[in-house]
Protein backbone atom coordinates (compact mmCIF):
# COMPACT_ATOMS: atom_id res chain seq x y z
CA MET A 1 66.99 87.40 69.36
CA LEU A 2 69.49 85.63 71.63
CA GLN A 3 67.18 82.59 71.66
CA SER A 4 67.44 82.14 67.89
CA GLU A 5 69.28 79.25 66.25
CA MET A 6 73.01 79.42 65.75
CA PHE A 7 74.70 80.30 62.48
CA LYS A 8 78.13 78.95 61.55
CA ILE A 9 80.91 81.17 60.21
CA ILE A 10 83.95 79.43 58.71
CA LEU A 11 87.33 81.07 58.18
CA PRO A 12 89.13 78.95 55.57
CA ASP A 13 92.26 81.14 55.66
CA ALA A 14 92.70 80.55 59.40
CA ALA A 15 93.08 76.77 59.23
CA THR A 16 95.18 75.24 61.97
CA SER A 17 97.54 73.33 59.66
CA ASP A 18 99.19 73.63 56.25
CA VAL A 19 96.59 71.33 54.69
CA PRO A 20 94.45 73.24 52.15
CA HIS A 21 90.86 74.12 53.01
CA SER A 22 88.65 71.03 52.61
CA PRO A 23 85.69 69.32 54.32
CA SER A 24 88.17 67.54 56.60
CA ASN A 25 90.05 70.78 57.31
CA PRO A 26 87.49 73.58 57.16
CA GLY A 27 89.47 76.17 59.08
CA LEU A 28 88.32 77.97 62.20
CA VAL A 29 84.62 77.80 62.99
CA PHE A 30 82.62 80.43 64.91
CA TYR A 31 78.99 80.45 65.94
CA ALA A 32 76.61 83.36 66.52
CA GLN A 33 72.86 83.84 66.82
CA LYS A 34 71.32 83.85 63.36
CA GLU A 35 68.86 86.68 64.02
CA LEU A 36 71.54 88.82 65.65
CA LEU A 37 73.77 88.59 62.60
CA ALA A 38 70.85 89.23 60.25
CA SER A 39 69.96 92.39 62.15
CA LEU A 40 73.37 94.00 61.54
CA SER A 41 72.77 94.87 57.89
CA PRO A 42 70.65 93.98 54.85
CA GLU A 43 73.77 92.51 53.28
CA LEU A 44 74.24 90.02 56.11
CA ARG A 45 70.53 89.25 56.15
CA ASN A 46 70.74 88.28 52.48
CA HIS A 47 73.61 85.90 53.24
CA ILE A 48 71.90 84.31 56.21
CA GLN A 49 68.28 84.04 55.07
CA ASN A 50 68.66 83.23 51.38
CA GLU A 51 67.44 80.06 49.75
CA MET A 52 70.89 79.05 48.58
CA ARG A 53 73.62 77.01 50.25
CA GLU A 54 74.40 79.55 52.99
CA GLY A 55 70.83 79.97 54.13
CA LEU A 56 69.86 76.32 53.77
CA LYS A 57 72.90 74.91 55.56
CA GLY A 58 73.12 77.70 58.12
CA GLU A 59 76.76 78.44 57.47
CA MET A 60 78.87 80.97 55.63
CA VAL A 61 82.49 80.82 54.47
CA VAL A 62 84.30 84.14 54.95
CA ALA A 63 87.60 84.25 53.08
CA ASP A 64 90.51 86.65 53.60
CA VAL A 65 89.64 87.31 57.25
CA ASP A 66 91.81 86.34 60.21
CA LYS A 67 90.77 85.07 63.64
CA VAL A 68 91.39 88.35 65.50
CA THR A 69 89.29 90.38 63.07
CA LEU A 70 86.27 88.08 63.21
CA GLU A 71 86.48 87.85 67.00
CA ARG A 72 86.39 91.64 67.26
CA PHE A 73 83.53 91.77 64.73
CA LEU A 74 81.44 89.34 66.78
CA GLN A 75 82.37 91.13 70.00
CA TRP A 76 80.97 94.32 68.52
CA ALA A 77 77.86 92.49 67.26
CA TYR A 78 76.98 91.49 70.83
CA THR A 79 78.23 94.52 72.80
CA ARG A 80 78.48 97.38 70.25
CA ASP A 81 82.14 97.76 71.21
CA TYR A 82 85.40 95.92 70.61
CA THR A 83 88.75 95.70 72.34
CA VAL A 84 92.26 95.56 70.89
CA ASP A 85 95.22 93.55 72.13
CA ALA A 86 98.30 95.43 70.92
CA LYS A 87 100.42 92.30 71.46
CA SER A 88 98.65 90.36 68.71
CA GLN A 89 98.59 93.01 65.98
CA PRO A 90 99.29 96.75 65.74
CA PRO A 91 96.07 98.57 66.73
CA LEU A 92 96.15 100.51 63.46
CA MET A 93 96.00 97.27 61.49
CA VAL A 94 93.22 95.88 63.70
CA HIS A 95 91.02 98.94 63.19
CA THR A 96 91.64 98.86 59.44
CA LYS A 97 90.81 95.16 59.13
CA ILE A 98 87.62 95.64 61.10
CA TYR A 99 86.64 98.51 58.79
CA VAL A 100 87.29 96.33 55.74
CA LEU A 101 85.07 93.54 57.10
CA ALA A 102 82.35 96.01 58.09
CA ASP A 103 82.54 97.51 54.60
CA ARG A 104 82.20 94.07 53.01
CA PHE A 105 78.96 93.44 54.87
CA ASN A 106 77.83 97.08 54.76
CA VAL A 107 77.63 97.70 58.52
CA PRO A 108 77.81 101.53 58.77
CA ALA A 109 77.88 101.73 62.59
CA LEU A 110 80.97 99.53 62.78
CA GLN A 111 82.58 101.36 59.87
CA ASP A 112 82.18 104.64 61.72
CA LEU A 113 83.53 103.24 64.99
CA SER A 114 86.61 101.58 63.47
CA PHE A 115 87.42 104.61 61.31
CA GLY A 116 87.15 106.90 64.33
CA ARG A 117 89.56 104.71 66.26
CA LEU A 118 91.94 104.56 63.30
CA THR A 119 92.18 108.34 63.10
CA ALA A 120 92.49 108.62 66.90
CA THR A 121 95.38 106.15 66.84
CA LEU A 122 97.23 108.21 64.27
CA ALA A 123 96.54 111.49 66.04
CA ASP A 124 96.97 110.59 69.70
CA HIS A 125 99.41 107.69 69.95
CA PRO A 126 102.65 109.11 71.42
CA ILE A 127 104.93 107.25 69.02
CA LEU A 128 102.95 107.59 65.80
CA ARG A 129 104.70 110.72 64.64
CA ARG A 130 106.14 111.43 61.22
CA ASP A 131 109.73 111.27 62.47
CA PHE A 132 109.35 107.72 63.80
CA ILE A 133 110.47 105.42 61.00
CA LYS A 134 109.25 102.20 62.59
CA ASP A 135 105.71 103.45 62.96
CA MET A 136 105.60 104.94 59.49
CA SER A 137 106.43 101.47 58.17
CA ILE A 138 103.28 100.20 59.93
CA VAL A 139 101.24 102.95 58.31
CA LEU A 140 102.56 101.95 54.88
CA LYS A 141 101.74 98.27 55.44
CA VAL A 142 98.26 99.17 56.64
CA THR A 143 97.75 101.37 53.58
CA LEU A 144 98.71 98.53 51.24
CA TYR A 145 96.29 96.20 53.03
CA ALA A 146 93.50 98.77 52.80
CA ALA A 147 94.18 99.42 49.10
CA ASP A 148 94.06 95.70 48.34
CA ASN A 149 90.85 95.07 50.28
CA LEU A 150 88.69 98.16 49.82
CA PRO A 151 86.83 98.78 46.54
CA ASN A 152 88.26 102.23 45.84
CA LEU A 153 90.60 104.91 47.17
CA SER A 154 87.76 107.19 48.20
CA LYS A 155 86.90 105.03 51.22
CA PRO A 156 87.57 107.14 54.36
CA PRO A 157 90.38 105.05 55.93
CA LEU A 158 92.35 104.80 52.69
CA ASN A 159 91.90 108.46 51.86
CA TYR A 160 93.01 109.40 55.39
CA LEU A 161 96.05 107.10 55.30
CA ILE A 162 97.18 108.55 51.96
CA ARG A 163 96.98 112.06 53.41
CA TYR A 164 98.92 110.91 56.49
CA ILE A 165 101.71 109.46 54.36
CA THR A 166 101.89 112.71 52.40
CA TRP A 167 102.19 114.63 55.67
CA GLY A 168 105.10 112.41 56.72
CA ILE A 169 106.57 111.92 53.27
CA GLU A 170 110.13 112.64 54.44
CA SER A 171 110.04 109.58 56.70
CA ALA A 172 107.95 107.43 54.37
CA ARG A 173 109.94 107.75 51.15
CA ILE A 174 113.15 106.24 52.55
CA LEU A 175 111.44 103.01 53.64
CA PRO A 176 111.29 99.81 51.58
CA GLU A 177 107.58 99.59 52.44
CA PHE A 178 107.06 102.83 50.52
CA SER A 179 108.57 101.28 47.38
CA ASP A 180 106.47 98.16 47.92
CA LEU A 181 103.33 100.28 48.16
CA ILE A 182 103.83 102.41 45.05
CA HIS A 183 104.98 99.43 42.94
CA ALA A 184 102.07 97.25 44.03
CA ARG A 185 99.49 100.01 43.80
CA PRO A 186 100.23 102.65 41.13
CA ASP A 187 96.82 104.20 41.85
CA VAL A 188 97.96 104.94 45.40
CA ALA A 189 101.17 106.47 44.01
CA VAL A 190 99.06 108.78 41.83
CA ALA A 191 96.93 109.75 44.84
CA LEU A 192 100.06 110.54 46.84
CA PHE A 193 101.38 112.82 44.09
CA GLN A 194 98.03 114.58 43.93
CA GLU A 195 98.20 115.33 47.65
CA VAL A 196 101.80 116.60 47.67
CA GLN A 197 102.07 120.39 47.46
CA PRO A 198 104.39 121.67 44.73
CA PRO A 199 107.36 123.85 45.71
CA TRP A 200 106.55 127.54 45.74
CA ARG A 201 109.79 128.54 44.02
CA ALA A 202 111.35 127.44 40.73
CA PRO A 203 114.56 125.38 41.10
CA TRP A 204 116.63 127.95 39.15
CA SER A 205 115.55 130.85 41.37
CA PRO A 206 118.03 132.32 43.91
CA PRO A 207 117.59 131.44 47.60
CA PRO A 208 114.69 133.36 49.17
CA SER A 209 115.15 136.08 51.74
CA PRO A 210 113.79 135.51 55.24
CA ARG A 211 110.78 137.74 54.56
CA GLU A 212 110.00 135.88 51.33
CA ARG A 213 110.11 132.61 53.24
CA VAL A 214 107.66 133.96 55.80
CA ASN A 215 105.31 135.34 53.18
CA SER A 216 105.39 132.12 51.17
CA GLY A 217 104.41 129.95 54.10
CA ASP A 218 107.49 127.79 53.60
CA THR A 219 107.84 125.45 56.58
CA GLU A 220 111.29 124.03 55.92
CA ALA A 221 113.45 125.23 58.79
CA ASP A 222 116.37 124.51 61.05
CA GLU A 223 116.30 123.41 64.67
CA CYS A 224 115.36 125.72 67.50
CA VAL A 225 118.47 126.78 69.43
CA VAL A 226 116.56 126.44 72.71
CA CYS A 227 114.69 123.12 72.52
CA GLN A 228 116.30 121.60 69.39
CA GLU A 229 112.89 120.86 67.90
CA LYS A 230 112.55 121.38 64.18
CA LEU A 231 111.14 124.83 63.44
CA THR A 232 107.65 124.75 61.98
CA CYS A 233 107.62 128.38 60.89
CA PHE A 234 109.84 131.46 60.75
CA LEU A 235 109.58 134.39 63.12
CA LEU A 236 110.52 137.64 61.49
CA CYS A 237 110.96 141.02 63.16
CA ASN A 238 109.14 143.80 61.33
CA SER A 239 111.92 146.20 62.34
CA CYS A 240 115.25 144.44 61.85
CA GLU A 241 113.88 141.91 59.32
CA GLN A 242 116.11 139.24 60.78
CA GLU A 243 114.92 135.69 60.93
CA ALA A 244 114.59 134.34 64.47
CA ASP A 245 116.34 131.12 65.39
CA VAL A 246 113.76 129.93 67.89
CA CYS A 247 110.45 128.12 67.53
CA PRO A 248 107.11 129.78 68.39
CA VAL A 249 107.01 127.95 71.74
CA CYS A 250 110.44 129.05 72.87
CA ALA A 251 110.41 132.52 71.30
CA PRO A 252 108.61 134.21 74.24
CA LEU A 253 111.27 132.81 76.58
CA ARG A 254 113.96 134.60 74.58
CA ARG A 255 112.20 137.96 74.51
CA LYS A 256 112.63 140.61 77.16
CA THR A 257 109.09 141.78 76.54
CA PRO A 258 106.24 139.70 75.05
CA GLY A 259 105.96 140.61 71.40
CA ASN A 260 109.60 141.62 71.01
CA CYS A 261 111.79 140.35 68.24
CA GLY A 262 113.46 137.01 69.00
CA MET A 263 116.69 138.25 67.41
CA CYS A 264 117.22 141.86 68.45
CA ASN A 265 114.63 142.28 71.24
CA CYS A 266 113.29 145.47 69.70
CA ARG A 267 109.77 146.44 70.67
CA ARG A 268 108.25 146.38 67.23
CA GLU A 269 105.25 144.11 66.85
CA MET A 270 106.02 140.71 65.44
CA PRO A 271 103.71 138.43 63.43
CA ARG A 272 101.54 136.41 65.78
CA GLU A 273 102.40 132.73 66.01
């Protein structure tokens, strides 16, 4: 396979000057073994071995792809892995662009790898949290790119990104990138509304009691008085029915006995966190 003839890949959108794409200014040119590329998917094989211009001339023009993305694509083609330089582009954008290219040429193995790394970046990166405005802006830009370059919203990366934005909607909705996204892609706006959970109480209803808030699963809360983190749930004593002012992590530190109420320290059993 590695002894096969070379195949030329041209990126017209990555030309080195402002002169439009032309025979004298073709853009960036890459070479790879013809048989190796053909083995990646039936779609690529059709491009490479057809009886039309691409197959006869041994070259293919790939529009709307940048240099970094094609380099990572070819790196994966030879090694079944790819690396990311965070200095060139945000890793989240790199993984998404690789998925888009793999989807274009129907390369399932690379789609799975790039999607797995996309979700791992969102889940494990220490700064990609919903209360970090800068990083949410990256998520919104990536979502717009994915929406513009994938055939439908059901594709895994786009579906996952929409759910992520919904999860961090408080940070997302104040950003100009959020307005750009919903104005450019009304279908994404509809998908976001479909993911958002409606309020459990009518706007004209009186404020709920602490027990009603617990029973409803409402997660809007104040800060923990111990660690100042935003409360993710309410602790309620079954005896005094007072709402605790500490988060589930810090609550045991405030209790004299494990299982006691975080407010009055009575020994009645509390709901498990």
